Amino acid sequence: MRVKKAVFPVAGLGTRFLPATKSTPKEMLPLIDKPLVQYVVEEAVASGIEQILFVTGRGKRAIEDHFDHAFELESLLEGKGKAAELCLVREIAEMAKIFFVRQKQALGLGHAILCAKEFVGSEPFAVLLGDDIIDAPTPCLAQLLDVYESYRAPVLALEKVPMVSISSYGCVRANQLSERIYEVLDLVEKPAIIDAPSDLAIIGRYILTPGIFPILEDQAPGKGGEIQLTDALLRLSKQESIFGRQFEGIRHDCGDKLGFLKATVDMALKRDEFNGSFEEFLRLRLCR
């Protein structure tokens, strides 16, 4: 069965970006001229996803508005003859079929995915986290879907990270099958360096099967008192094989202030409209 549905857990409070996120969802923070979440939705759509479910919480209405038609704005742009801007605005609302459900309690990523059970039904589905912006010629999710097509089993996005940072991630012990494809043997959520089974971190892209839902329904809270997806995946791995894909591309951790700044610079330097002027500005600043 082809993967057509994707789940976006976006109920987090974004406390690392306060006070900006006091009234603005973290996912709506602009990376140049697009909100973070739009980059990830575009990745999903470019990978063949047709239906998207946002798992939201209080204060996330701006996400719903962004992916809806803005009739007043569209009318204004049409009246002023701004065809390019009008097309840009309309395309956002028409990228995919968008649905929303509330996660009424902040019980973790695993619980957020459980909230998508009715939307998913009996189909395989993707999960994408808006913190990770992945710049790649082939969309990261499409790379995972290629692995899913071969094995018809859950697939995790993997990245080698410095061991000093491994405690910030879920990570895996895995058997390498080819240059970038692994069979996952064990998973650990945010281990101490001494307990980490490898430097392969789980990044915010997943292909999952409906078999995850019965496990999530009775999953005990893990680290932080939350229902951890990594813990549920470990249990799932006892029932069916799980694979990993060390993706090709550059990941920007936009859940971190420094990562967000780096993403802004890196993405801006790739834009033709800046015509070298931004790079020149940066060089002048570094020479001061």
Protein backbone atom coordinates (compact mmCIF):
# COMPACT_ATOMS: atom_id res chain seq x y z
CA MET A 1 0.00 0.00 0.00
CA ARG A 2 1.43 3.37 -1.01
CA VAL A 3 2.06 5.88 1.78
CA LYS A 4 -0.37 8.75 1.20
CA LYS A 5 -0.91 10.12 4.72
CA ALA A 6 1.38 12.10 6.99
CA VAL A 7 1.09 13.19 10.61
CA PHE A 8 2.61 16.45 11.87
CA PRO A 9 2.79 16.68 15.68
CA VAL A 10 2.77 20.45 16.36
CA ALA A 11 1.29 20.74 19.85
CA GLY A 12 4.55 21.65 21.61
CA LEU A 13 4.86 24.98 23.41
CA GLY A 14 8.20 26.02 21.93
CA THR A 15 9.55 27.30 25.24
CA ARG A 16 13.11 27.58 23.91
CA PHE A 17 11.97 30.47 21.71
CA LEU A 18 10.15 32.51 24.33
CA PRO A 19 9.04 35.25 24.26
CA ALA A 20 8.56 34.96 20.47
CA THR A 21 6.42 31.84 20.94
CA LYS A 22 4.21 33.32 23.67
CA SER A 23 1.54 34.06 21.06
CA THR A 24 3.08 32.62 17.87
CA PRO A 25 3.45 28.86 17.30
CA LYS A 26 7.08 27.83 17.02
CA GLU A 27 6.22 26.14 13.72
CA MET A 28 5.17 29.53 12.31
CA LEU A 29 8.48 31.26 12.98
CA PRO A 30 9.70 32.54 9.59
CA LEU A 31 12.76 31.04 7.97
CA ILE A 32 13.43 33.92 5.57
CA ASP A 33 9.92 34.32 4.08
CA LYS A 34 8.19 31.02 4.86
CA PRO A 35 7.18 29.55 8.23
CA LEU A 36 9.19 26.53 9.33
CA VAL A 37 6.26 24.16 9.00
CA GLN A 38 5.69 25.07 5.35
CA TYR A 39 9.15 23.78 4.39
CA VAL A 40 8.28 20.42 5.95
CA VAL A 41 4.83 20.26 4.34
CA GLU A 42 6.44 20.98 0.98
CA GLU A 43 8.86 18.10 1.59
CA ALA A 44 5.94 15.78 2.34
CA VAL A 45 4.00 16.84 -0.77
CA ALA A 46 7.10 16.52 -2.96
CA SER A 47 7.43 12.95 -1.63
CA GLY A 48 3.90 12.03 -2.76
CA ILE A 49 1.90 12.67 0.42
CA GLU A 50 -1.72 13.60 -0.31
CA GLN A 51 -3.33 13.95 3.14
CA ILE A 52 -1.84 15.68 6.18
CA LEU A 53 -3.03 15.66 9.78
CA PHE A 54 -1.75 18.34 12.15
CA VAL A 55 -1.90 17.23 15.79
CA THR A 56 -2.28 20.64 17.44
CA GLY A 57 -2.83 22.15 20.86
CA ARG A 58 -3.94 25.44 22.34
CA GLY A 59 -2.56 28.53 20.64
CA LYS A 60 -1.93 26.83 17.29
CA ARG A 61 -4.74 28.45 15.32
CA ALA A 62 -2.21 30.33 13.16
CA ILE A 63 -1.19 27.01 11.57
CA GLU A 64 -4.78 26.29 10.58
CA ASP A 65 -5.15 29.80 9.15
CA HIS A 66 -1.91 29.53 7.19
CA PHE A 67 -3.00 26.41 5.32
CA ASP A 68 -6.52 27.71 4.69
CA HIS A 69 -7.73 30.10 1.99
CA ALA A 70 -7.40 33.77 2.97
CA PHE A 71 -10.30 35.18 0.97
CA GLU A 72 -9.82 38.81 1.98
CA LEU A 73 -6.12 38.73 1.14
CA GLU A 74 -6.73 36.88 -2.12
CA SER A 75 -9.39 39.41 -3.13
CA LEU A 76 -7.06 42.29 -2.33
CA LEU A 77 -4.20 40.80 -4.34
CA GLU A 78 -6.51 40.04 -7.26
CA GLY A 79 -7.88 43.59 -7.24
CA LYS A 80 -4.37 45.04 -7.33
CA GLY A 81 -3.31 42.77 -10.17
CA LYS A 82 -0.64 41.01 -8.09
CA ALA A 83 -0.94 37.69 -9.89
CA ALA A 84 2.33 36.19 -8.67
CA GLU A 85 1.55 36.90 -5.01
CA LEU A 86 -2.02 35.63 -5.45
CA CYS A 87 -0.76 32.35 -6.92
CA LEU A 88 1.73 31.99 -4.07
CA VAL A 89 -0.96 32.42 -1.42
CA ARG A 90 -3.45 30.08 -3.10
CA GLU A 91 -0.87 27.34 -3.59
CA ILE A 92 -0.36 27.06 0.17
CA ALA A 93 -4.01 26.18 0.74
CA GLU A 94 -4.08 23.70 -2.14
CA MET A 95 -0.88 21.70 -1.56
CA ALA A 96 -2.67 18.78 0.09
CA LYS A 97 -5.81 17.82 1.96
CA ILE A 98 -5.25 19.21 5.45
CA PHE A 99 -6.90 17.97 8.64
CA PHE A 100 -6.52 18.93 12.31
CA VAL A 101 -6.99 17.19 15.64
CA ARG A 102 -6.26 18.45 19.16
CA GLN A 103 -3.83 16.78 21.55
CA LYS A 104 -5.59 17.88 24.72
CA GLN A 105 -2.74 16.90 27.06
CA ALA A 106 0.99 17.33 26.51
CA LEU A 107 1.86 13.66 26.99
CA GLY A 108 4.67 13.34 24.48
CA LEU A 109 5.37 12.45 20.86
CA GLY A 110 4.03 8.93 21.20
CA HIS A 111 0.71 10.24 22.51
CA ALA A 112 0.55 12.81 19.71
CA ILE A 113 0.86 10.04 17.14
CA LEU A 114 -1.79 8.01 18.95
CA CYS A 115 -4.15 10.97 18.41
CA ALA A 116 -3.87 10.23 14.67
CA LYS A 117 -5.19 6.67 14.93
CA GLU A 118 -8.59 7.35 13.34
CA PHE A 119 -7.04 9.46 10.56
CA VAL A 120 -4.49 6.77 9.70
CA GLY A 121 -6.80 3.75 9.85
CA SER A 122 -5.13 0.61 8.52
CA GLU A 123 -2.61 2.35 6.25
CA PRO A 124 1.13 2.93 6.59
CA PHE A 125 1.85 6.60 7.28
CA ALA A 126 4.62 9.16 7.63
CA VAL A 127 5.47 11.31 10.64
CA LEU A 128 7.37 14.56 10.16
CA LEU A 129 8.61 16.88 12.90
CA GLY A 130 8.73 20.57 12.09
CA ASP A 131 11.93 21.22 14.07
CA ASP A 132 14.09 19.57 11.44
CA ILE A 133 14.49 21.36 8.13
CA ILE A 134 16.33 19.03 5.76
CA ASP A 135 17.82 20.53 2.62
CA ALA A 136 18.32 17.71 0.13
CA PRO A 137 18.11 17.25 -3.67
CA THR A 138 15.87 14.23 -3.05
CA PRO A 139 13.44 15.00 -0.20
CA CYS A 140 14.38 13.18 2.99
CA LEU A 141 10.94 11.60 3.26
CA ALA A 142 11.20 10.33 -0.33
CA GLN A 143 14.49 8.64 0.61
CA LEU A 144 12.71 6.84 3.45
CA LEU A 145 9.82 5.88 1.20
CA ASP A 146 12.25 4.19 -1.20
CA VAL A 147 13.37 1.98 1.68
CA TYR A 148 9.76 1.29 2.66
CA GLU A 149 8.99 0.19 -0.89
CA SER A 150 11.76 -2.42 -0.60
CA TYR A 151 10.98 -3.78 2.87
CA ARG A 152 7.34 -2.84 3.59
CA ALA A 153 8.27 -2.12 7.19
CA PRO A 154 8.78 0.93 9.44
CA VAL A 155 11.69 3.18 8.45
CA LEU A 156 13.48 5.80 10.57
CA ALA A 157 15.61 8.70 9.36
CA LEU A 158 19.11 8.40 10.81
CA GLU A 159 22.04 10.79 11.08
CA LYS A 160 25.49 10.35 12.58
CA VAL A 161 25.93 12.98 15.29
CA PRO A 162 28.84 13.79 17.61
CA MET A 163 28.75 11.55 20.67
CA VAL A 164 28.78 14.62 22.92
CA SER A 165 25.32 15.41 21.51
CA ILE A 166 23.83 11.91 21.53
CA SER A 167 21.96 12.43 24.79
CA SER A 168 19.70 14.91 22.98
CA TYR A 169 18.37 12.22 20.63
CA GLY A 170 16.87 8.80 20.42
CA CYS A 171 19.54 6.54 18.94
CA VAL A 172 19.85 3.04 17.55
CA ARG A 173 22.03 -0.04 17.49
CA ALA A 174 21.81 -1.33 13.96
CA ASN A 175 23.13 -3.83 11.46
CA GLN A 176 24.33 -2.06 8.31
CA LEU A 177 22.79 -3.62 5.19
CA SER A 178 24.23 -1.26 2.58
CA GLU A 179 25.96 2.11 2.44
CA ARG A 180 23.07 4.02 4.04
CA ILE A 181 20.48 1.40 4.98
CA TYR A 182 20.34 -0.33 8.35
CA GLU A 183 18.29 -2.93 10.16
CA VAL A 184 17.48 -1.54 13.60
CA LEU A 185 18.27 -3.91 16.47
CA ASP A 186 17.81 -1.66 19.50
CA LEU A 187 16.57 1.85 20.30
CA VAL A 188 17.34 4.08 23.28
CA GLU A 189 15.76 7.45 24.09
CA LYS A 190 18.28 10.19 25.01
CA PRO A 191 20.95 7.95 26.50
CA ALA A 192 23.95 9.08 28.50
CA ILE A 193 27.08 8.92 26.34
CA ILE A 194 28.30 5.82 28.15
CA ASP A 195 24.98 4.04 27.45
CA ALA A 196 24.59 5.06 23.79
CA PRO A 197 24.70 2.04 21.45
CA SER A 198 26.03 4.13 18.53
CA ASP A 199 26.29 7.63 17.10
CA LEU A 200 23.27 7.03 14.84
CA ALA A 201 20.57 9.43 15.98
CA ILE A 202 16.90 9.23 15.05
CA ILE A 203 15.88 12.39 13.20
CA GLY A 204 12.35 13.74 12.81
CA ARG A 205 11.16 11.66 9.86
CA TYR A 206 9.46 8.27 10.18
CA ILE A 207 7.49 5.79 8.11
CA LEU A 208 5.27 3.80 10.48
CA THR A 209 2.73 1.01 10.20
CA PRO A 210 -0.60 0.76 12.10
CA GLY A 211 0.99 -1.85 14.35
CA ILE A 212 2.37 1.04 16.41
CA PHE A 213 -1.07 2.03 17.72
CA PRO A 214 -1.85 -0.95 20.02
CA ILE A 215 1.59 -0.47 21.53
CA LEU A 216 1.11 3.26 22.08
CA GLU A 217 -2.27 2.62 23.71
CA ASP A 218 -0.67 0.79 26.63
CA GLN A 219 2.80 2.36 26.54
CA ALA A 220 3.96 3.46 30.00
CA PRO A 221 5.42 6.95 30.33
CA GLY A 222 9.18 7.08 29.83
CA LYS A 223 11.75 9.84 30.12
CA GLY A 224 10.24 13.16 31.17
CA GLY A 225 7.03 11.39 32.19
CA GLU A 226 5.94 11.33 28.55
CA ILE A 227 4.86 8.54 26.21
CA GLN A 228 8.02 8.18 24.16
CA LEU A 229 7.80 7.04 20.54
CA THR A 230 11.26 5.51 20.82
CA ASP A 231 10.09 3.21 23.63
CA ALA A 232 7.10 2.11 21.55
CA LEU A 233 9.32 1.48 18.51
CA LEU A 234 11.56 -0.74 20.61
CA ARG A 235 8.54 -2.88 21.48
CA LEU A 236 7.40 -2.85 17.85
CA SER A 237 10.83 -4.10 16.78
CA LYS A 238 10.11 -7.33 18.67
CA GLN A 239 7.08 -7.90 16.40
CA GLU A 240 8.32 -6.70 13.03
CA SER A 241 11.55 -5.53 11.47
CA ILE A 242 12.42 -1.83 11.56
CA PHE A 243 14.86 -0.22 9.16
CA GLY A 244 16.82 3.00 9.13
CA ARG A 245 17.96 5.28 6.33
CA GLN A 246 20.97 7.53 6.87
CA PHE A 247 19.59 10.32 4.73
CA GLU A 248 21.54 12.43 2.27
CA GLY A 249 21.22 16.17 2.81
CA ILE A 250 21.86 18.93 5.30
CA ARG A 251 19.74 19.01 8.44
CA HIS A 252 19.07 22.22 10.32
CA ASP A 253 17.87 21.78 13.89
CA CYS A 254 15.44 24.68 14.05
CA GLY A 255 14.23 23.71 17.49
CA ASP A 256 17.44 25.32 18.75
CA LYS A 257 18.21 29.04 18.51
CA LEU A 258 21.70 28.53 17.12
CA GLY A 259 20.41 25.94 14.67
CA PHE A 260 17.69 28.35 13.57
CA LEU A 261 20.26 31.09 12.94
CA LYS A 262 22.48 28.73 10.97
CA ALA A 263 19.50 27.63 8.88
CA THR A 264 18.60 31.23 8.09
CA VAL A 265 22.12 31.99 6.88
CA ASP A 266 22.51 28.76 4.92
CA MET A 267 19.13 28.98 3.20
CA ALA A 268 19.57 32.68 2.41
CA LEU A 269 22.93 32.09 0.75
CA LYS A 270 21.20 29.71 -1.68
CA ARG A 271 18.64 32.28 -2.81
CA ASP A 272 19.36 33.95 -6.16
CA GLU A 273 17.51 37.10 -5.13
CA PHE A 274 20.23 38.02 -2.67
CA ASN A 275 22.73 37.96 -5.53
CA GLY A 276 25.80 37.66 -3.37
CA SER A 277 24.93 40.75 -1.35
CA PHE A 278 24.12 38.76 1.79
CA GLU A 279 27.38 36.83 1.58
CA GLU A 280 29.24 40.11 1.15
CA PHE A 281 27.51 41.50 4.22
CA LEU A 282 28.51 38.45 6.25
CA ARG A 283 32.13 38.70 5.16
CA LEU A 284 32.25 42.35 6.15
CA ARG A 285 30.79 41.53 9.55
CA LEU A 286 33.36 38.79 10.11
CA CYS A 287 36.19 41.19 9.29
CA ARG A 288 35.17 43.64 12.01
